[in-house]
mmCIF file of all heavy atoms, coordinates in Angstrom:
data_MODEL
# 
_entry.id   MODEL 
# 
loop_
_atom_site.group_PDB 
_atom_site.id 
_atom_site.type_symbol 
_atom_site.label_atom_id 
_atom_site.label_alt_id 
_atom_site.label_comp_id 
_atom_site.label_asym_id 
_atom_site.label_entity_id 
_atom_site.label_seq_id 
_atom_site.pdbx_PDB_ins_code 
_atom_site.Cartn_x 
_atom_site.Cartn_y 
_atom_site.Cartn_z 
_atom_site.occupancy 
_atom_site.B_iso_or_equiv 
_atom_site.pdbx_formal_charge 
_atom_site.auth_seq_id 
_atom_site.auth_comp_id 
_atom_site.auth_asym_id 
_atom_site.auth_atom_id 
_atom_site.pdbx_PDB_model_num 
ATOM 1   N N   . ALA A 1 1  ? 21.569 -5.301 12.152 1.00 0.00 ? 1  ALA A N   1 
ATOM 2   C CA  . ALA A 1 1  ? 21.663 -5.826 10.791 1.00 0.00 ? 1  ALA A CA  1 
ATOM 3   C C   . ALA A 1 1  ? 21.500 -4.733 9.747  1.00 0.00 ? 1  ALA A C   1 
ATOM 4   O O   . ALA A 1 1  ? 21.871 -4.905 8.586  1.00 0.00 ? 1  ALA A O   1 
ATOM 5   C CB  . ALA A 1 1  ? 20.611 -6.912 10.568 1.00 0.00 ? 1  ALA A CB  1 
ATOM 6   N N   . ASP A 1 2  ? 20.928 -3.593 10.164 1.00 0.00 ? 2  ASP A N   1 
ATOM 7   C CA  . ASP A 1 2  ? 20.749 -2.499 9.231  1.00 0.00 ? 2  ASP A CA  1 
ATOM 8   C C   . ASP A 1 2  ? 22.085 -1.861 8.885  1.00 0.00 ? 2  ASP A C   1 
ATOM 9   O O   . ASP A 1 2  ? 23.041 -1.914 9.663  1.00 0.00 ? 2  ASP A O   1 
ATOM 10  C CB  . ASP A 1 2  ? 19.837 -1.426 9.836  1.00 0.00 ? 2  ASP A CB  1 
ATOM 11  C CG  . ASP A 1 2  ? 18.417 -1.940 10.023 1.00 0.00 ? 2  ASP A CG  1 
ATOM 12  O OD1 . ASP A 1 2  ? 18.111 -3.002 9.450  1.00 0.00 ? 2  ASP A OD1 1 
ATOM 13  O OD2 . ASP A 1 2  ? 17.640 -1.283 10.743 1.00 0.00 ? 2  ASP A OD2 1 
ATOM 14  N N   . GLU A 1 3  ? 22.101 -1.234 7.728  1.00 0.00 ? 3  GLU A N   1 
ATOM 15  C CA  . GLU A 1 3  ? 23.320 -0.522 7.340  1.00 0.00 ? 3  GLU A CA  1 
ATOM 16  C C   . GLU A 1 3  ? 23.652 0.567  8.347  1.00 0.00 ? 3  GLU A C   1 
ATOM 17  O O   . GLU A 1 3  ? 24.808 0.772  8.700  1.00 0.00 ? 3  GLU A O   1 
ATOM 18  C CB  . GLU A 1 3  ? 23.122 0.083  5.951  1.00 0.00 ? 3  GLU A CB  1 
ATOM 19  C CG  . GLU A 1 3  ? 24.343 0.842  5.437  1.00 0.00 ? 3  GLU A CG  1 
ATOM 20  C CD  . GLU A 1 3  ? 24.105 1.441  4.072  1.00 0.00 ? 3  GLU A CD  1 
ATOM 21  O OE1 . GLU A 1 3  ? 23.147 1.020  3.396  1.00 0.00 ? 3  GLU A OE1 1 
ATOM 22  O OE2 . GLU A 1 3  ? 24.891 2.322  3.678  1.00 0.00 ? 3  GLU A OE2 1 
ATOM 23  N N   . GLU A 1 4  ? 22.607 1.270  8.836  1.00 0.00 ? 4  GLU A N   1 
ATOM 24  C CA  . GLU A 1 4  ? 22.836 2.322  9.822  1.00 0.00 ? 4  GLU A CA  1 
ATOM 25  C C   . GLU A 1 4  ? 23.332 1.736  11.136 1.00 0.00 ? 4  GLU A C   1 
ATOM 26  O O   . GLU A 1 4  ? 24.143 2.352  11.836 1.00 0.00 ? 4  GLU A O   1 
ATOM 27  C CB  . GLU A 1 4  ? 21.560 3.124  10.046 1.00 0.00 ? 4  GLU A CB  1 
ATOM 28  C CG  . GLU A 1 4  ? 21.201 4.015  8.882  1.00 0.00 ? 4  GLU A CG  1 
ATOM 29  C CD  . GLU A 1 4  ? 20.131 5.024  9.251  1.00 0.00 ? 4  GLU A CD  1 
ATOM 30  O OE1 . GLU A 1 4  ? 19.726 5.032  10.423 1.00 0.00 ? 4  GLU A OE1 1 
ATOM 31  O OE2 . GLU A 1 4  ? 19.719 5.797  8.385  1.00 0.00 ? 4  GLU A OE2 1 
ATOM 32  N N   . GLY A 1 5  ? 22.835 0.554  11.492 1.00 0.00 ? 5  GLY A N   1 
ATOM 33  C CA  . GLY A 1 5  ? 23.288 -0.064 12.734 1.00 0.00 ? 5  GLY A CA  1 
ATOM 34  C C   . GLY A 1 5  ? 24.767 -0.392 12.691 1.00 0.00 ? 5  GLY A C   1 
ATOM 35  O O   . GLY A 1 5  ? 25.496 -0.164 13.672 1.00 0.00 ? 5  GLY A O   1 
ATOM 36  N N   . VAL A 1 6  ? 25.242 -0.926 11.585 1.00 0.00 ? 6  VAL A N   1 
ATOM 37  C CA  . VAL A 1 6  ? 26.667 -1.227 11.436 1.00 0.00 ? 6  VAL A CA  1 
ATOM 38  C C   . VAL A 1 6  ? 27.487 0.056  11.462 1.00 0.00 ? 6  VAL A C   1 
ATOM 39  O O   . VAL A 1 6  ? 28.548 0.124  12.090 1.00 0.00 ? 6  VAL A O   1 
ATOM 40  C CB  . VAL A 1 6  ? 26.917 -2.008 10.128 1.00 0.00 ? 6  VAL A CB  1 
ATOM 41  C CG1 . VAL A 1 6  ? 28.411 -2.207 9.903  1.00 0.00 ? 6  VAL A CG1 1 
ATOM 42  C CG2 . VAL A 1 6  ? 26.200 -3.345 10.160 1.00 0.00 ? 6  VAL A CG2 1 
ATOM 43  N N   . ARG A 1 7  ? 26.979 1.074  10.794 1.00 0.00 ? 7  ARG A N   1 
ATOM 44  C CA  . ARG A 1 7  ? 27.672 2.365  10.806 1.00 0.00 ? 7  ARG A CA  1 
ATOM 45  C C   . ARG A 1 7  ? 27.769 2.918  12.225 1.00 0.00 ? 7  ARG A C   1 
ATOM 46  O O   . ARG A 1 7  ? 28.816 3.451  12.632 1.00 0.00 ? 7  ARG A O   1 
ATOM 47  C CB  . ARG A 1 7  ? 26.933 3.359  9.915  1.00 0.00 ? 7  ARG A CB  1 
ATOM 48  C CG  . ARG A 1 7  ? 27.634 4.716  9.794  1.00 0.00 ? 7  ARG A CG  1 
ATOM 49  C CD  . ARG A 1 7  ? 26.712 5.753  9.207  1.00 0.00 ? 7  ARG A CD  1 
ATOM 50  N NE  . ARG A 1 7  ? 25.598 6.048  10.115 1.00 0.00 ? 7  ARG A NE  1 
ATOM 51  C CZ  . ARG A 1 7  ? 24.654 6.952  9.850  1.00 0.00 ? 7  ARG A CZ  1 
ATOM 52  N NH1 . ARG A 1 7  ? 24.665 7.592  8.692  1.00 0.00 ? 7  ARG A NH1 1 
ATOM 53  N NH2 . ARG A 1 7  ? 23.686 7.172  10.722 1.00 0.00 ? 7  ARG A NH2 1 
ATOM 54  N N   . ASP A 1 8  ? 26.692 2.789  12.990 1.00 0.00 ? 8  ASP A N   1 
ATOM 55  C CA  . ASP A 1 8  ? 26.716 3.262  14.369 1.00 0.00 ? 8  ASP A CA  1 
ATOM 56  C C   . ASP A 1 8  ? 27.771 2.527  15.184 1.00 0.00 ? 8  ASP A C   1 
ATOM 57  O O   . ASP A 1 8  ? 28.480 3.134  15.997 1.00 0.00 ? 8  ASP A O   1 
ATOM 58  C CB  . ASP A 1 8  ? 25.344 3.072  15.014 1.00 0.00 ? 8  ASP A CB  1 
ATOM 59  C CG  . ASP A 1 8  ? 24.273 3.939  14.357 1.00 0.00 ? 8  ASP A CG  1 
ATOM 60  O OD1 . ASP A 1 8  ? 24.640 4.886  13.638 1.00 0.00 ? 8  ASP A OD1 1 
ATOM 61  O OD2 . ASP A 1 8  ? 23.081 3.639  14.550 1.00 0.00 ? 8  ASP A OD2 1 
ATOM 62  N N   . ASP A 1 9  ? 27.869 1.217  14.993 1.00 0.00 ? 9  ASP A N   1 
ATOM 63  C CA  . ASP A 1 9  ? 28.881 0.438  15.702 1.00 0.00 ? 9  ASP A CA  1 
ATOM 64  C C   . ASP A 1 9  ? 30.280 0.955  15.393 1.00 0.00 ? 9  ASP A C   1 
ATOM 65  O O   . ASP A 1 9  ? 31.120 1.126  16.297 1.00 0.00 ? 9  ASP A O   1 
ATOM 66  C CB  . ASP A 1 9  ? 28.790 -1.043 15.318 1.00 0.00 ? 9  ASP A CB  1 
ATOM 67  C CG  . ASP A 1 9  ? 27.520 -1.708 15.839 1.00 0.00 ? 9  ASP A CG  1 
ATOM 68  O OD1 . ASP A 1 9  ? 26.770 -1.046 16.577 1.00 0.00 ? 9  ASP A OD1 1 
ATOM 69  O OD2 . ASP A 1 9  ? 27.298 -2.886 15.505 1.00 0.00 ? 9  ASP A OD2 1 
ATOM 70  N N   . ILE A 1 10 ? 30.545 1.188  14.125 1.00 0.00 ? 10 ILE A N   1 
ATOM 71  C CA  . ILE A 1 10 ? 31.876 1.638  13.709 1.00 0.00 ? 10 ILE A CA  1 
ATOM 72  C C   . ILE A 1 10 ? 32.183 3.011  14.307 1.00 0.00 ? 10 ILE A C   1 
ATOM 73  O O   . ILE A 1 10 ? 33.265 3.228  14.888 1.00 0.00 ? 10 ILE A O   1 
ATOM 74  C CB  . ILE A 1 10 ? 31.967 1.684  12.166 1.00 0.00 ? 10 ILE A CB  1 
ATOM 75  C CG1 . ILE A 1 10 ? 31.875 0.270  11.604 1.00 0.00 ? 10 ILE A CG1 1 
ATOM 76  C CG2 . ILE A 1 10 ? 33.271 2.363  11.730 1.00 0.00 ? 10 ILE A CG2 1 
ATOM 77  C CD1 . ILE A 1 10 ? 31.785 0.222  10.092 1.00 0.00 ? 10 ILE A CD1 1 
ATOM 78  N N   . TRP A 1 11 ? 31.226 3.931  14.189 1.00 0.00 ? 11 TRP A N   1 
ATOM 79  C CA  . TRP A 1 11 ? 31.476 5.267  14.709 1.00 0.00 ? 11 TRP A CA  1 
ATOM 80  C C   . TRP A 1 11 ? 31.586 5.285  16.227 1.00 0.00 ? 11 TRP A C   1 
ATOM 81  O O   . TRP A 1 11 ? 32.344 6.084  16.796 1.00 0.00 ? 11 TRP A O   1 
ATOM 82  C CB  . TRP A 1 11 ? 30.384 6.225  14.247 1.00 0.00 ? 11 TRP A CB  1 
ATOM 83  C CG  . TRP A 1 11 ? 30.590 6.703  12.841 1.00 0.00 ? 11 TRP A CG  1 
ATOM 84  C CD1 . TRP A 1 11 ? 29.796 6.470  11.761 1.00 0.00 ? 11 TRP A CD1 1 
ATOM 85  C CD2 . TRP A 1 11 ? 31.679 7.501  12.369 1.00 0.00 ? 11 TRP A CD2 1 
ATOM 86  N NE1 . TRP A 1 11 ? 30.318 7.064  10.643 1.00 0.00 ? 11 TRP A NE1 1 
ATOM 87  C CE2 . TRP A 1 11 ? 31.475 7.709  10.984 1.00 0.00 ? 11 TRP A CE2 1 
ATOM 88  C CE3 . TRP A 1 11 ? 32.804 8.055  12.967 1.00 0.00 ? 11 TRP A CE3 1 
ATOM 89  C CZ2 . TRP A 1 11 ? 32.348 8.441  10.199 1.00 0.00 ? 11 TRP A CZ2 1 
ATOM 90  C CZ3 . TRP A 1 11 ? 33.690 8.785  12.185 1.00 0.00 ? 11 TRP A CZ3 1 
ATOM 91  C CH2 . TRP A 1 11 ? 33.463 8.981  10.823 1.00 0.00 ? 11 TRP A CH2 1 
ATOM 92  N N   . TYR A 1 12 ? 30.848 4.404  16.883 1.00 0.00 ? 12 TYR A N   1 
ATOM 93  C CA  . TYR A 1 12 ? 30.996 4.328  18.343 1.00 0.00 ? 12 TYR A CA  1 
ATOM 94  C C   . TYR A 1 12 ? 32.408 3.885  18.714 1.00 0.00 ? 12 TYR A C   1 
ATOM 95  O O   . TYR A 1 12 ? 33.054 4.490  19.581 1.00 0.00 ? 12 TYR A O   1 
ATOM 96  C CB  . TYR A 1 12 ? 29.975 3.368  18.958 1.00 0.00 ? 12 TYR A CB  1 
ATOM 97  C CG  . TYR A 1 12 ? 30.293 3.095  20.406 1.00 0.00 ? 12 TYR A CG  1 
ATOM 98  C CD1 . TYR A 1 12 ? 29.989 4.031  21.390 1.00 0.00 ? 12 TYR A CD1 1 
ATOM 99  C CD2 . TYR A 1 12 ? 30.961 1.926  20.801 1.00 0.00 ? 12 TYR A CD2 1 
ATOM 100 C CE1 . TYR A 1 12 ? 30.332 3.824  22.714 1.00 0.00 ? 12 TYR A CE1 1 
ATOM 101 C CE2 . TYR A 1 12 ? 31.299 1.712  22.119 1.00 0.00 ? 12 TYR A CE2 1 
ATOM 102 C CZ  . TYR A 1 12 ? 30.986 2.664  23.075 1.00 0.00 ? 12 TYR A CZ  1 
ATOM 103 O OH  . TYR A 1 12 ? 31.340 2.457  24.382 1.00 0.00 ? 12 TYR A OH  1 
ATOM 104 N N   . VAL A 1 13 ? 32.893 2.838  18.092 1.00 0.00 ? 13 VAL A N   1 
ATOM 105 C CA  . VAL A 1 13 ? 34.229 2.343  18.398 1.00 0.00 ? 13 VAL A CA  1 
ATOM 106 C C   . VAL A 1 13 ? 35.277 3.412  18.088 1.00 0.00 ? 13 VAL A C   1 
ATOM 107 O O   . VAL A 1 13 ? 36.189 3.656  18.896 1.00 0.00 ? 13 VAL A O   1 
ATOM 108 C CB  . VAL A 1 13 ? 34.520 1.038  17.624 1.00 0.00 ? 13 VAL A CB  1 
ATOM 109 C CG1 . VAL A 1 13 ? 35.988 0.644  17.766 1.00 0.00 ? 13 VAL A CG1 1 
ATOM 110 C CG2 . VAL A 1 13 ? 33.628 -0.087 18.120 1.00 0.00 ? 13 VAL A CG2 1 
ATOM 111 N N   . VAL A 1 14 ? 35.151 4.067  16.944 1.00 0.00 ? 14 VAL A N   1 
ATOM 112 C CA  . VAL A 1 14 ? 36.136 5.091  16.571 1.00 0.00 ? 14 VAL A CA  1 
ATOM 113 C C   . VAL A 1 14 ? 36.152 6.227  17.587 1.00 0.00 ? 14 VAL A C   1 
ATOM 114 O O   . VAL A 1 14 ? 37.214 6.621  18.098 1.00 0.00 ? 14 VAL A O   1 
ATOM 115 C CB  . VAL A 1 14 ? 35.828 5.637  15.162 1.00 0.00 ? 14 VAL A CB  1 
ATOM 116 C CG1 . VAL A 1 14 ? 36.676 6.875  14.870 1.00 0.00 ? 14 VAL A CG1 1 
ATOM 117 C CG2 . VAL A 1 14 ? 36.087 4.574  14.106 1.00 0.00 ? 14 VAL A CG2 1 
ATOM 118 N N   . SER A 1 15 ? 34.972 6.776  17.912 1.00 0.00 ? 15 SER A N   1 
ATOM 119 C CA  . SER A 1 15 ? 34.916 7.908  18.839 1.00 0.00 ? 15 SER A CA  1 
ATOM 120 C C   . SER A 1 15 ? 35.363 7.505  20.239 1.00 0.00 ? 15 SER A C   1 
ATOM 121 O O   . SER A 1 15 ? 36.031 8.292  20.935 1.00 0.00 ? 15 SER A O   1 
ATOM 122 C CB  . SER A 1 15 ? 33.498 8.484  18.890 1.00 0.00 ? 15 SER A CB  1 
ATOM 123 O OG  . SER A 1 15 ? 32.558 7.518  19.332 1.00 0.00 ? 15 SER A OG  1 
ATOM 124 N N   . THR A 1 16 ? 35.056 6.294  20.657 1.00 0.00 ? 16 THR A N   1 
ATOM 125 C CA  . THR A 1 16 ? 35.410 5.855  22.012 1.00 0.00 ? 16 THR A CA  1 
ATOM 126 C C   . THR A 1 16 ? 36.897 5.540  22.126 1.00 0.00 ? 16 THR A C   1 
ATOM 127 O O   . THR A 1 16 ? 37.527 5.833  23.156 1.00 0.00 ? 16 THR A O   1 
ATOM 128 C CB  . THR A 1 16 ? 34.566 4.636  22.409 1.00 0.00 ? 16 THR A CB  1 
ATOM 129 O OG1 . THR A 1 16 ? 33.176 4.954  22.255 1.00 0.00 ? 16 THR A OG1 1 
ATOM 130 C CG2 . THR A 1 16 ? 34.821 4.236  23.850 1.00 0.00 ? 16 THR A CG2 1 
ATOM 131 N N   . VAL A 1 17 ? 37.489 4.971  21.097 1.00 0.00 ? 17 VAL A N   1 
ATOM 132 C CA  . VAL A 1 17 ? 38.933 4.729  21.113 1.00 0.00 ? 17 VAL A CA  1 
ATOM 133 C C   . VAL A 1 17 ? 39.680 6.062  21.132 1.00 0.00 ? 17 VAL A C   1 
ATOM 134 O O   . VAL A 1 17 ? 40.639 6.235  21.897 1.00 0.00 ? 17 VAL A O   1 
ATOM 135 C CB  . VAL A 1 17 ? 39.355 3.875  19.895 1.00 0.00 ? 17 VAL A CB  1 
ATOM 136 C CG1 . VAL A 1 17 ? 40.875 3.861  19.752 1.00 0.00 ? 17 VAL A CG1 1 
ATOM 137 C CG2 . VAL A 1 17 ? 38.830 2.458  20.034 1.00 0.00 ? 17 VAL A CG2 1 
ATOM 138 N N   . LEU A 1 18 ? 39.237 7.009  20.323 1.00 0.00 ? 18 LEU A N   1 
ATOM 139 C CA  . LEU A 1 18 ? 39.856 8.337  20.347 1.00 0.00 ? 18 LEU A CA  1 
ATOM 140 C C   . LEU A 1 18 ? 39.685 8.990  21.717 1.00 0.00 ? 18 LEU A C   1 
ATOM 141 O O   . LEU A 1 18 ? 40.598 9.666  22.210 1.00 0.00 ? 18 LEU A O   1 
ATOM 142 C CB  . LEU A 1 18 ? 39.239 9.220  19.263 1.00 0.00 ? 18 LEU A CB  1 
ATOM 143 C CG  . LEU A 1 18 ? 39.519 8.806  17.812 1.00 0.00 ? 18 LEU A CG  1 
ATOM 144 C CD1 . LEU A 1 18 ? 38.800 9.741  16.853 1.00 0.00 ? 18 LEU A CD1 1 
ATOM 145 C CD2 . LEU A 1 18 ? 41.012 8.777  17.522 1.00 0.00 ? 18 LEU A CD2 1 
ATOM 146 N N   . LEU A 1 19 ? 38.540 8.780  22.335 1.00 0.00 ? 19 LEU A N   1 
ATOM 147 C CA  . LEU A 1 19 ? 38.305 9.294  23.682 1.00 0.00 ? 19 LEU A CA  1 
ATOM 148 C C   . LEU A 1 19 ? 39.313 8.715  24.666 1.00 0.00 ? 19 LEU A C   1 
ATOM 149 O O   . LEU A 1 19 ? 39.897 9.439  25.482 1.00 0.00 ? 19 LEU A O   1 
ATOM 150 C CB  . LEU A 1 19 ? 36.877 8.954  24.119 1.00 0.00 ? 19 LEU A CB  1 
ATOM 151 C CG  . LEU A 1 19 ? 36.485 9.262  25.563 1.00 0.00 ? 19 LEU A CG  1 
ATOM 152 C CD1 . LEU A 1 19 ? 36.536 10.754 25.825 1.00 0.00 ? 19 LEU A CD1 1 
ATOM 153 C CD2 . LEU A 1 19 ? 35.087 8.708  25.864 1.00 0.00 ? 19 LEU A CD2 1 
ATOM 154 N N   . GLY A 1 20 ? 39.528 7.401  24.606 1.00 0.00 ? 20 GLY A N   1 
ATOM 155 C CA  . GLY A 1 20 ? 40.482 6.770  25.509 1.00 0.00 ? 20 GLY A CA  1 
ATOM 156 C C   . GLY A 1 20 ? 41.897 7.247  25.308 1.00 0.00 ? 20 GLY A C   1 
ATOM 157 O O   . GLY A 1 20 ? 42.695 7.302  26.258 1.00 0.00 ? 20 GLY A O   1 
ATOM 158 N N   . TYR A 1 21 ? 42.244 7.624  24.073 1.00 0.00 ? 21 TYR A N   1 
ATOM 159 C CA  . TYR A 1 21 ? 43.588 8.112  23.777 1.00 0.00 ? 21 TYR A CA  1 
ATOM 160 C C   . TYR A 1 21 ? 43.728 9.623  23.980 1.00 0.00 ? 21 TYR A C   1 
ATOM 161 O O   . TYR A 1 21 ? 44.777 10.183 23.701 1.00 0.00 ? 21 TYR A O   1 
ATOM 162 C CB  . TYR A 1 21 ? 43.985 7.754  22.348 1.00 0.00 ? 21 TYR A CB  1 
ATOM 163 C CG  . TYR A 1 21 ? 44.531 6.353  22.204 1.00 0.00 ? 21 TYR A CG  1 
ATOM 164 C CD1 . TYR A 1 21 ? 43.828 5.377  21.505 1.00 0.00 ? 21 TYR A CD1 1 
ATOM 165 C CD2 . TYR A 1 21 ? 45.752 5.999  22.783 1.00 0.00 ? 21 TYR A CD2 1 
ATOM 166 C CE1 . TYR A 1 21 ? 44.326 4.084  21.386 1.00 0.00 ? 21 TYR A CE1 1 
ATOM 167 C CE2 . TYR A 1 21 ? 46.257 4.718  22.662 1.00 0.00 ? 21 TYR A CE2 1 
ATOM 168 C CZ  . TYR A 1 21 ? 45.538 3.768  21.958 1.00 0.00 ? 21 TYR A CZ  1 
ATOM 169 O OH  . TYR A 1 21 ? 46.041 2.490  21.856 1.00 0.00 ? 21 TYR A OH  1 
ATOM 170 N N   . THR A 1 22 ? 42.663 10.267 24.464 1.00 0.00 ? 22 THR A N   1 
ATOM 171 C CA  . THR A 1 22 ? 42.714 11.700 24.731 1.00 0.00 ? 22 THR A CA  1 
ATOM 172 C C   . THR A 1 22 ? 43.016 12.004 26.188 1.00 0.00 ? 22 THR A C   1 
ATOM 173 O O   . THR A 1 22 ? 43.833 12.868 26.503 1.00 0.00 ? 22 THR A O   1 
ATOM 174 C CB  . THR A 1 22 ? 41.378 12.367 24.343 1.00 0.00 ? 22 THR A CB  1 
ATOM 175 O OG1 . THR A 1 22 ? 41.180 12.204 22.930 1.00 0.00 ? 22 THR A OG1 1 
ATOM 176 C CG2 . THR A 1 22 ? 41.377 13.846 24.679 1.00 0.00 ? 22 THR A CG2 1 
ATOM 177 N N   . HIS A 1 23 ? 42.355 11.282 27.091 1.00 0.00 ? 23 HIS A N   1 
ATOM 178 C CA  . HIS A 1 23 ? 42.549 11.542 28.530 1.00 0.00 ? 23 HIS A CA  1 
ATOM 179 C C   . HIS A 1 23 ? 42.116 10.309 29.303 1.00 0.00 ? 23 HIS A C   1 
ATOM 180 O O   . HIS A 1 23 ? 41.181 9.606  28.905 1.00 0.00 ? 23 HIS A O   1 
ATOM 181 C CB  . HIS A 1 23 ? 41.730 12.761 28.970 1.00 0.00 ? 23 HIS A CB  1 
ATOM 182 C CG  . HIS A 1 23 ? 42.161 13.347 30.277 1.00 0.00 ? 23 HIS A CG  1 
ATOM 183 N ND1 . HIS A 1 23 ? 41.779 12.808 31.492 1.00 0.00 ? 23 HIS A ND1 1 
ATOM 184 C CD2 . HIS A 1 23 ? 42.950 14.415 30.572 1.00 0.00 ? 23 HIS A CD2 1 
ATOM 185 C CE1 . HIS A 1 23 ? 42.303 13.536 32.469 1.00 0.00 ? 23 HIS A CE1 1 
ATOM 186 N NE2 . HIS A 1 23 ? 43.019 14.516 31.940 1.00 0.00 ? 23 HIS A NE2 1 
ATOM 187 N N   . VAL A 1 24 ? 42.772 10.071 30.423 1.00 0.00 ? 24 VAL A N   1 
ATOM 188 C CA  . VAL A 1 24 ? 42.456 8.886  31.219 1.00 0.00 ? 24 VAL A CA  1 
ATOM 189 C C   . VAL A 1 24 ? 41.017 8.930  31.730 1.00 0.00 ? 24 VAL A C   1 
ATOM 190 O O   . VAL A 1 24 ? 40.382 7.888  31.912 1.00 0.00 ? 24 VAL A O   1 
ATOM 191 C CB  . VAL A 1 24 ? 43.446 8.749  32.393 1.00 0.00 ? 24 VAL A CB  1 
ATOM 192 C CG1 . VAL A 1 24 ? 43.275 9.883  33.390 1.00 0.00 ? 24 VAL A CG1 1 
ATOM 193 C CG2 . VAL A 1 24 ? 43.296 7.396  33.086 1.00 0.00 ? 24 VAL A CG2 1 
# 
């Protein structure tokens, strides 16, 4: 519920999606 918690969720998804599109 914290602002930092939401930010962490967003950055996790962004970095992990980019990871998946980098190498199998």
